[in-house]
Structures are given as C-alpha cells and as structure tokens.
C-alpha atoms as a PDB file:
ATOM      1  CA  UNK A   1    -156.372  64.828  39.451  1.00  0.00           C
ATOM      2  CA  UNK A   2    -152.666  64.868  40.233  1.00  0.00           C
ATOM      3  CA  UNK A   3    -150.117  62.104  40.096  1.00  0.00           C
ATOM      4  CA  UNK A   4    -146.675  61.807  41.617  1.00  0.00           C
ATOM      5  CA  UNK A   5    -143.446  62.343  39.742  1.00  0.00           C
ATOM      6  CA  UNK A   6    -140.960  59.668  38.785  1.00  0.00           C
ATOM      7  CA  UNK A   7    -139.577  57.635  41.683  1.00  0.00           C
ATOM      8  CA  UNK A   8    -137.672  54.338  41.657  1.00  0.00           C
ATOM      9  CA  UNK A   9    -140.116  52.305  43.714  1.00  0.00           C
ATOM     10  CA  UNK A  10    -143.714  52.146  44.890  1.00  0.00           C
ATOM     11  CA  UNK A  11    -143.158  51.804  48.629  1.00  0.00           C
ATOM     12  CA  UNK A  12    -145.127  54.175  50.781  1.00  0.00           C
ATOM     13  CA  UNK A  13    -148.433  53.965  48.947  1.00  0.00           C
ATOM     14  CA  UNK A  14    -151.265  53.835  51.459  1.00  0.00           C
ATOM     15  CA  UNK A  15    -153.768  51.066  50.832  1.00  0.00           C
ATOM     16  CA  UNK A  16    -156.369  50.121  53.468  1.00  0.00           C
ATOM     17  CA  UNK A  17    -156.066  46.520  54.709  1.00  0.00           C
ATOM     18  CA  UNK A  18    -158.081  43.982  52.782  1.00  0.00           C
ATOM     19  CA  UNK A  19    -160.776  42.035  54.566  1.00  0.00           C
ATOM     20  CA  UNK A  20    -159.056  38.652  54.954  1.00  0.00           C
ATOM     21  CA  UNK A  21    -159.123  35.962  57.658  1.00  0.00           C
ATOM     22  CA  UNK A  22    -157.078  36.880  60.732  1.00  0.00           C
ATOM     23  CA  UNK A  23    -154.184  34.520  60.167  1.00  0.00           C
ATOM     24  CA  UNK A  24    -150.464  34.822  60.807  1.00  0.00           C
ATOM     25  CA  UNK A  25    -147.455  33.325  59.111  1.00  0.00           C
ATOM     26  CA  UNK A  26    -144.957  31.236  61.094  1.00  0.00           C
ATOM     27  CA  UNK A  27    -142.824  34.327  61.765  1.00  0.00           C
ATOM     28  CA  UNK A  28    -145.811  36.182  63.249  1.00  0.00           C
ATOM     29  CA  UNK A  29    -146.271  38.597  60.360  1.00  0.00           C
ATOM     30  CA  UNK A  30    -149.654  39.036  58.604  1.00  0.00           C
ATOM     31  CA  UNK A  31    -150.336  36.752  55.635  1.00  0.00           C
ATOM     32  CA  UNK A  32    -149.637  37.993  52.149  1.00  0.00           C
ATOM     33  CA  UNK A  33    -152.850  38.824  50.333  1.00  0.00           C
ATOM     34  CA  UNK A  34    -152.797  38.447  46.566  1.00  0.00           C
ATOM     35  CA  UNK A  35    -155.526  39.836  44.380  1.00  0.00           C
ATOM     36  CA  UNK A  36    -156.276  40.210  40.704  1.00  0.00           C
ATOM     37  CA  UNK A  37    -156.695  43.518  38.880  1.00  0.00           C
ATOM     38  CA  UNK A  38    -157.759  43.841  35.239  1.00  0.00           C
ATOM     39  CA  UNK A  39    -156.245  46.561  33.046  1.00  0.00           C
ATOM     40  CA  UNK A  40    -158.611  47.360  30.210  1.00  0.00           C
ATOM     41  CA  UNK A  41    -159.539  49.980  27.648  1.00  0.00           C
ATOM     42  CA  UNK A  42    -159.552  50.528  23.929  1.00  0.00           C
ATOM     43  CA  UNK A  43    -156.971  49.837  21.266  1.00  0.00           C
ATOM     44  CA  UNK A  44    -153.619  51.554  21.867  1.00  0.00           C
ATOM     45  CA  UNK A  45    -154.533  53.378  25.092  1.00  0.00           C
ATOM     46  CA  UNK A  46    -151.494  52.210  27.085  1.00  0.00           C
ATOM     47  CA  UNK A  47    -152.526  48.986  28.813  1.00  0.00           C
ATOM     48  CA  UNK A  48    -149.349  47.089  27.915  1.00  0.00           C
ATOM     49  CA  UNK A  49    -147.258  50.137  28.831  1.00  0.00           C
ATOM     50  CA  UNK A  50    -148.842  50.353  32.286  1.00  0.00           C
ATOM     51  CA  UNK A  51    -148.338  46.658  33.043  1.00  0.00           C
ATOM     52  CA  UNK A  52    -144.724  46.791  31.843  1.00  0.00           C
ATOM     53  CA  UNK A  53    -143.926  49.987  33.766  1.00  0.00           C
ATOM     54  CA  UNK A  54    -145.129  48.729  37.127  1.00  0.00           C
ATOM     55  CA  UNK A  55    -144.482  44.975  37.043  1.00  0.00           C
ATOM     56  CA  UNK A  56    -141.709  43.756  39.339  1.00  0.00           C
ATOM     57  CA  UNK A  57    -141.307  40.634  37.208  1.00  0.00           C
ATOM     58  CA  UNK A  58    -140.656  40.406  33.497  1.00  0.00           C
ATOM     59  CA  UNK A  59    -144.158  41.017  32.146  1.00  0.00           C
ATOM     60  CA  UNK A  60    -145.769  38.420  29.953  1.00  0.00           C
ATOM     61  CA  UNK A  61    -147.107  40.028  26.795  1.00  0.00           C
ATOM     62  CA  UNK A  62    -148.784  38.612  23.732  1.00  0.00           C
ATOM     63  CA  UNK A  63    -147.852  41.395  21.332  1.00  0.00           C
ATOM     64  CA  UNK A  64    -148.197  40.589  17.661  1.00  0.00           C
ATOM     65  CA  UNK A  65    -146.921  42.637  14.738  1.00  0.00           C
ATOM     66  CA  UNK A  66    -149.741  44.434  12.964  1.00  0.00           C
ATOM     67  CA  UNK A  67    -150.149  43.652   9.276  1.00  0.00           C
ATOM     68  CA  UNK A  68    -152.115  45.051   6.362  1.00  0.00           C
ATOM     69  CA  UNK A  69    -154.806  42.474   7.170  1.00  0.00           C
ATOM     70  CA  UNK A  70    -155.834  44.560  10.206  1.00  0.00           C
ATOM     71  CA  UNK A  71    -155.839  47.959   8.511  1.00  0.00           C
ATOM     72  CA  UNK A  72    -159.574  47.899   7.898  1.00  0.00           C
ATOM     73  CA  UNK A  73    -160.278  46.797  11.488  1.00  0.00           C
ATOM     74  CA  UNK A  74    -157.813  48.552  13.808  1.00  0.00           C
ATOM     75  CA  UNK A  75    -158.002  52.334  13.671  1.00  0.00           C
ATOM     76  CA  UNK A  76    -154.582  53.952  13.914  1.00  0.00           C
ATOM     77  CA  UNK A  77    -155.809  57.553  14.169  1.00  0.00           C
ATOM     78  CA  UNK A  78    -153.368  59.338  16.478  1.00  0.00           C
ATOM     79  CA  UNK A  79    -151.127  56.252  16.694  1.00  0.00           C
ATOM     80  CA  UNK A  80    -148.588  56.724  13.886  1.00  0.00           C
ATOM     81  CA  UNK A  81    -145.855  54.761  15.694  1.00  0.00           C
ATOM     82  CA  UNK A  82    -147.917  51.748  16.766  1.00  0.00           C
ATOM     83  CA  UNK A  83    -146.700  48.565  15.057  1.00  0.00           C
ATOM     84  CA  UNK A  84    -147.815  45.815  17.477  1.00  0.00           C
ATOM     85  CA  UNK A  85    -150.998  44.893  19.312  1.00  0.00           C
ATOM     86  CA  UNK A  86    -152.013  42.601  22.190  1.00  0.00           C
ATOM     87  CA  UNK A  87    -153.863  39.545  20.905  1.00  0.00           C
ATOM     88  CA  UNK A  88    -154.487  37.634  24.145  1.00  0.00           C
ATOM     89  CA  UNK A  89    -153.401  39.347  27.376  1.00  0.00           C
ATOM     90  CA  UNK A  90    -150.647  41.060  29.341  1.00  0.00           C
ATOM     91  CA  UNK A  91    -149.604  39.752  32.744  1.00  0.00           C
ATOM     92  CA  UNK A  92    -147.544  41.322  35.506  1.00  0.00           C
ATOM     93  CA  UNK A  93    -147.150  41.500  39.282  1.00  0.00           C
ATOM     94  CA  UNK A  94    -146.630  44.396  41.683  1.00  0.00           C
ATOM     95  CA  UNK A  95    -146.278  44.520  45.468  1.00  0.00           C
ATOM     96  CA  UNK A  96    -148.101  47.570  46.818  1.00  0.00           C
ATOM     97  CA  UNK A  97    -147.564  46.779  50.500  1.00  0.00           C
ATOM     98  CA  UNK A  98    -145.502  44.143  52.304  1.00  0.00           C
ATOM     99  CA  UNK A  99    -148.645  42.021  52.587  1.00  0.00           C
ATOM    100  CA  UNK A 100    -150.494  43.029  49.389  1.00  0.00           C
ATOM    101  CA  UNK A 101    -149.552  41.700  45.956  1.00  0.00           C
ATOM    102  CA  UNK A 102    -151.489  42.550  42.819  1.00  0.00           C
ATOM    103  CA  UNK A 103    -151.559  40.289  39.773  1.00  0.00           C
ATOM    104  CA  UNK A 104    -152.318  42.314  36.654  1.00  0.00           C
ATOM    105  CA  UNK A 105    -154.158  41.013  33.623  1.00  0.00           C
ATOM    106  CA  UNK A 106    -154.323  43.316  30.612  1.00  0.00           C
ATOM    107  CA  UNK A 107    -157.114  42.746  28.112  1.00  0.00           C
ATOM    108  CA  UNK A 108    -156.755  43.056  24.339  1.00  0.00           C
ATOM    109  CA  UNK A 109    -158.277  46.313  23.146  1.00  0.00           C
ATOM    110  CA  UNK A 110    -159.916  45.335  19.862  1.00  0.00           C
ATOM    111  CA  UNK A 111    -163.589  44.435  19.895  1.00  0.00           C
ATOM    112  CA  UNK A 112    -162.970  41.195  18.036  1.00  0.00           C
ATOM    113  CA  UNK A 113    -161.041  39.863  21.048  1.00  0.00           C
ATOM    114  CA  UNK A 114    -163.658  40.826  23.628  1.00  0.00           C
ATOM    115  CA  UNK A 115    -164.832  37.219  23.891  1.00  0.00           C
ATOM    116  CA  UNK A 116    -161.710  36.652  26.054  1.00  0.00           C
ATOM    117  CA  UNK A 117    -162.696  39.240  28.631  1.00  0.00           C
ATOM    118  CA  UNK A 118    -165.002  36.995  30.683  1.00  0.00           C
ATOM    119  CA  UNK A 119    -162.130  34.582  31.365  1.00  0.00           C
ATOM    120  CA  UNK A 120    -159.627  37.356  32.129  1.00  0.00           C
ATOM    121  CA  UNK A 121    -162.026  39.111  34.518  1.00  0.00           C
ATOM    122  CA  UNK A 122    -163.039  35.995  36.463  1.00  0.00           C
ATOM    123  CA  UNK A 123    -161.814  36.288  40.058  1.00  0.00           C
ATOM    124  CA  UNK A 124    -160.763  39.942  39.794  1.00  0.00           C
ATOM    125  CA  UNK A 125    -161.571  42.388  42.601  1.00  0.00           C
ATOM    126  CA  UNK A 126    -161.523  45.412  40.327  1.00  0.00           C
ATOM    127  CA  UNK A 127    -160.427  46.941  37.043  1.00  0.00           C
ATOM    128  CA  UNK A 128    -158.837  50.050  35.630  1.00  0.00           C
ATOM    129  CA  UNK A 129    -160.065  51.427  32.303  1.00  0.00           C
ATOM    130  CA  UNK A 130    -157.416  53.417  30.434  1.00  0.00           C
ATOM    131  CA  UNK A 131    -158.491  56.397  28.325  1.00  0.00           C
ATOM    132  CA  UNK A 132    -156.701  58.366  25.609  1.00  0.00           C
ATOM    133  CA  UNK A 133    -158.379  61.786  25.326  1.00  0.00           C
ATOM    134  CA  UNK A 134    -157.501  61.887  21.619  1.00  0.00           C
ATOM    135  CA  UNK A 135    -159.763  58.849  21.097  1.00  0.00           C
ATOM    136  CA  UNK A 136    -162.222  58.851  23.988  1.00  0.00           C
ATOM    137  CA  UNK A 137    -164.721  56.643  22.157  1.00  0.00           C
ATOM    138  CA  UNK A 138    -162.270  53.714  22.252  1.00  0.00           C
ATOM    139  CA  UNK A 139    -162.972  53.154  25.956  1.00  0.00           C
ATOM    140  CA  UNK A 140    -166.781  52.999  25.721  1.00  0.00           C
ATOM    141  CA  UNK A 141    -166.979  49.190  25.286  1.00  0.00           C
ATOM    142  CA  UNK A 142    -164.804  48.620  28.383  1.00  0.00           C
ATOM    143  CA  UNK A 143    -166.838  51.024  30.531  1.00  0.00           C
ATOM    144  CA  UNK A 144    -170.076  49.421  29.368  1.00  0.00           C
ATOM    145  CA  UNK A 145    -168.688  45.937  30.069  1.00  0.00           C
ATOM    146  CA  UNK A 146    -167.679  46.667  33.664  1.00  0.00           C
ATOM    147  CA  UNK A 147    -170.862  48.586  34.425  1.00  0.00           C
ATOM    148  CA  UNK A 148    -172.889  45.583  33.253  1.00  0.00           C
ATOM    149  CA  UNK A 149    -170.714  43.080  35.124  1.00  0.00           C
ATOM    150  CA  UNK A 150    -170.833  45.011  38.401  1.00  0.00           C
ATOM    151  CA  UNK A 151    -167.050  44.763  38.857  1.00  0.00           C
ATOM    152  CA  UNK A 152    -165.690  47.890  40.610  1.00  0.00           C
ATOM    153  CA  UNK A 153    -163.541  49.952  38.267  1.00  0.00           C
ATOM    154  CA  UNK A 154    -161.798  53.292  38.000  1.00  0.00           C
ATOM    155  CA  UNK A 155    -161.223  55.285  34.826  1.00  0.00           C
ATOM    156  CA  UNK A 156    -157.670  56.551  34.283  1.00  0.00           C
ATOM    157  CA  UNK A 157    -156.811  59.284  31.797  1.00  0.00           C
ATOM    158  CA  UNK A 158    -153.447  58.291  30.320  1.00  0.00           C
ATOM    159  CA  UNK A 159    -151.279  61.396  30.056  1.00  0.00           C
ATOM    160  CA  UNK A 160    -149.930  61.040  26.520  1.00  0.00           C
ATOM    161  CA  UNK A 161    -147.606  63.802  25.353  1.00  0.00           C
ATOM    162  CA  UNK A 162    -149.624  66.373  23.432  1.00  0.00           C
ATOM    163  CA  UNK A 163    -153.020  64.873  24.310  1.00  0.00           C
ATOM    164  CA  UNK A 164    -155.809  67.413  24.866  1.00  0.00           C
ATOM    165  CA  UNK A 165    -156.757  68.305  28.439  1.00  0.00           C
ATOM    166  CA  UNK A 166    -160.351  68.664  29.598  1.00  0.00           C
ATOM    167  CA  UNK A 167    -162.144  69.588  32.788  1.00  0.00           C
ATOM    168  CA  UNK A 168    -163.065  66.624  34.947  1.00  0.00           C
ATOM    169  CA  UNK A 169    -166.766  67.439  34.725  1.00  0.00           C
ATOM    170  CA  UNK A 170    -166.582  67.490  30.916  1.00  0.00           C
ATOM    171  CA  UNK A 171    -164.805  64.137  30.846  1.00  0.00           C
ATOM    172  CA  UNK A 172    -167.324  62.567  33.203  1.00  0.00           C
ATOM    173  CA  UNK A 173    -170.140  63.792  30.973  1.00  0.00           C
ATOM    174  CA  UNK A 174    -168.419  62.563  27.800  1.00  0.00           C
ATOM    175  CA  UNK A 175    -167.832  59.133  29.362  1.00  0.00           C
ATOM    176  CA  UNK A 176    -171.291  59.001  30.988  1.00  0.00           C
ATOM    177  CA  UNK A 177    -169.682  57.922  34.251  1.00  0.00           C
ATOM    178  CA  UNK A 178    -171.749  57.141  37.297  1.00  0.00           C
ATOM    179  CA  UNK A 179    -171.093  59.452  40.270  1.00  0.00           C
ATOM    180  CA  UNK A 180    -169.419  56.673  42.272  1.00  0.00           C
ATOM    181  CA  UNK A 181    -166.907  55.799  39.519  1.00  0.00           C
ATOM    182  CA  UNK A 182    -163.504  57.422  40.231  1.00  0.00           C
ATOM    183  CA  UNK A 183    -161.836  59.393  37.437  1.00  0.00           C
ATOM    184  CA  UNK A 184    -158.084  59.841  37.838  1.00  0.00           C
ATOM    185  CA  UNK A 185    -155.001  60.756  35.837  1.00  0.00           C
ATOM    186  CA  UNK A 186    -152.138  58.371  35.192  1.00  0.00           C
ATOM    187  CA  UNK A 187    -148.877  58.364  33.271  1.00  0.00           C
ATOM    188  CA  UNK A 188    -148.620  54.719  32.208  1.00  0.00           C
ATOM    189  CA  UNK A 189    -144.887  55.157  31.540  1.00  0.00           C
ATOM    190  CA  UNK A 190    -144.210  56.113  35.158  1.00  0.00           C
ATOM    191  CA  UNK A 191    -143.989  53.283  37.666  1.00  0.00           C
ATOM    192  CA  UNK A 192    -145.193  55.188  40.703  1.00  0.00           C
ATOM    193  CA  UNK A 193    -148.027  56.843  38.804  1.00  0.00           C
ATOM    194  CA  UNK A 194    -149.183  53.447  37.520  1.00  0.00           C
ATOM    195  CA  UNK A 195    -148.934  51.913  41.001  1.00  0.00           C
ATOM    196  CA  UNK A 196    -150.966  54.743  42.512  1.00  0.00           C
ATOM    197  CA  UNK A 197    -153.653  54.200  39.892  1.00  0.00           C
ATOM    198  CA  UNK A 198    -153.790  50.507  40.782  1.00  0.00           C
ATOM    199  CA  UNK A 199    -153.965  51.372  44.475  1.00  0.00           C
ATOM    200  CA  UNK A 200    -157.021  53.489  43.673  1.00  0.00           C
ATOM    201  CA  UNK A 201    -158.655  50.388  42.184  1.00  0.00           C
ATOM    202  CA  UNK A 202    -158.115  48.480  45.442  1.00  0.00           C
ATOM    203  CA  UNK A 203    -159.417  51.377  47.537  1.00  0.00           C
ATOM    204  CA  UNK A 204    -162.501  51.739  45.327  1.00  0.00           C
ATOM    205  CA  UNK A 205    -163.188  47.984  45.403  1.00  0.00           C
ATOM    206  CA  UNK A 206    -163.014  48.000  49.220  1.00  0.00           C
ATOM    207  CA  UNK A 207    -165.326  51.005  49.359  1.00  0.00           C
ATOM    208  CA  UNK A 208    -167.842  49.306  47.081  1.00  0.00           C
ATOM    209  CA  UNK A 209    -167.751  46.101  49.126  1.00  0.00           C
ATOM    210  CA  UNK A 210    -168.304  48.109  52.299  1.00  0.00           C
ATOM    211  CA  UNK A 211    -171.249  49.934  50.732  1.00  0.00           C
ATOM    212  CA  UNK A 212    -172.913  46.647  49.877  1.00  0.00           C
END
C-alpha cells in the first residue's frame, strides 16, 4: 500500500474513462464529466485536511471552534491539538483528468451529525472512508453506513506521524472489510497522495458498476 511523494500537481493520474454518452464539445474535445465523491470517517481522522490539500478552489469548510459543551461527546484521545470540528460539511473540487472533475463533499465525523449524511451522499458515485490507526473504532459507523447503502467505497489509512502500522490482513480483519473493498494508504496532507486515493474511488466505482 504505497503512495507517491509530494508533487505540485495531480496530472498524470490514470483513471479509466467514465461511461458517459458519446458527445463532443464544439471544439471537438470530449465532454467534461463531473462526479461527486464523499469523504467520510470518524471524528478527527483527516477529512477536512484531505479536501483542503487536494482542492483546486478555496475549499468551503464549516469548521466550528470546540467548546467545553462538547467535551463529554467528542473524544479527543490522540488529538491534543484539535480545536475545531466540522459541523455541516466540507466542499472542494479537483480535476483528475482533462475531462474528469470531482466534487468533494466531506461529512461531519460525530455521530450526532449523521442525520446529514443521506443528503450529502445523494448523487455520489463513491466514497472514501478515512481511518486513523490510533482510533480505528471511529470509522466503524461510516463503513457500516456505506455497506448498508450499497455505495462503492474505499478505506484509506491516513498516515499520521507516529501512528501505529499494521499488516494489511490485520487491518482488514479489524475493520471487517469485505474482500472487494479496497484498503489503501493516504497522506491527507499531500495533494498527490490525496488525489490518488480519490482516483481509486473512481476506479472502484467503475469496477463495481461493471460487475453489476
């Protein structure tokens, strides 16, 4: 589960063509296909960081300062520097290919905001579930949600500094992942690494559609 080092752009990623009507723009080039990807996972796993690192526009975030009112609800184990949290969604955009644009919607991580997920997921072709190996249990609700919904998703281990490393087979067992669910590594701070993770979502979604 390797990821590329830091590079200034995301050009050169290979993504199979999406199944779209055979149309051409006025200049003869293929039409631009836009699609929606959901970035999900538990509290503080790096969803906002991933969207911000890869977005080619100023990302829209709904970060709110955490207060003592949330201390009994939001676990901060392993997150000593976290002072804000997403309360609605994150939004960004990234062009993977000249004719493929992804619109990213990041979900809030706390369970009390999960009622928003149905609206954020509507129309998406796939999702990426972020995982922090220091707090693996935080991602269980997201994995359960996407397995129930049938939306194709990949699981991405966010490479936090100092986070424990495990064998892929052990992680798959701990997460109870189905054999067809991809498990990858991602550094949410690195633009190319984040873009490659998102490309994997598109590839997996296409594969699942083809299998059906």
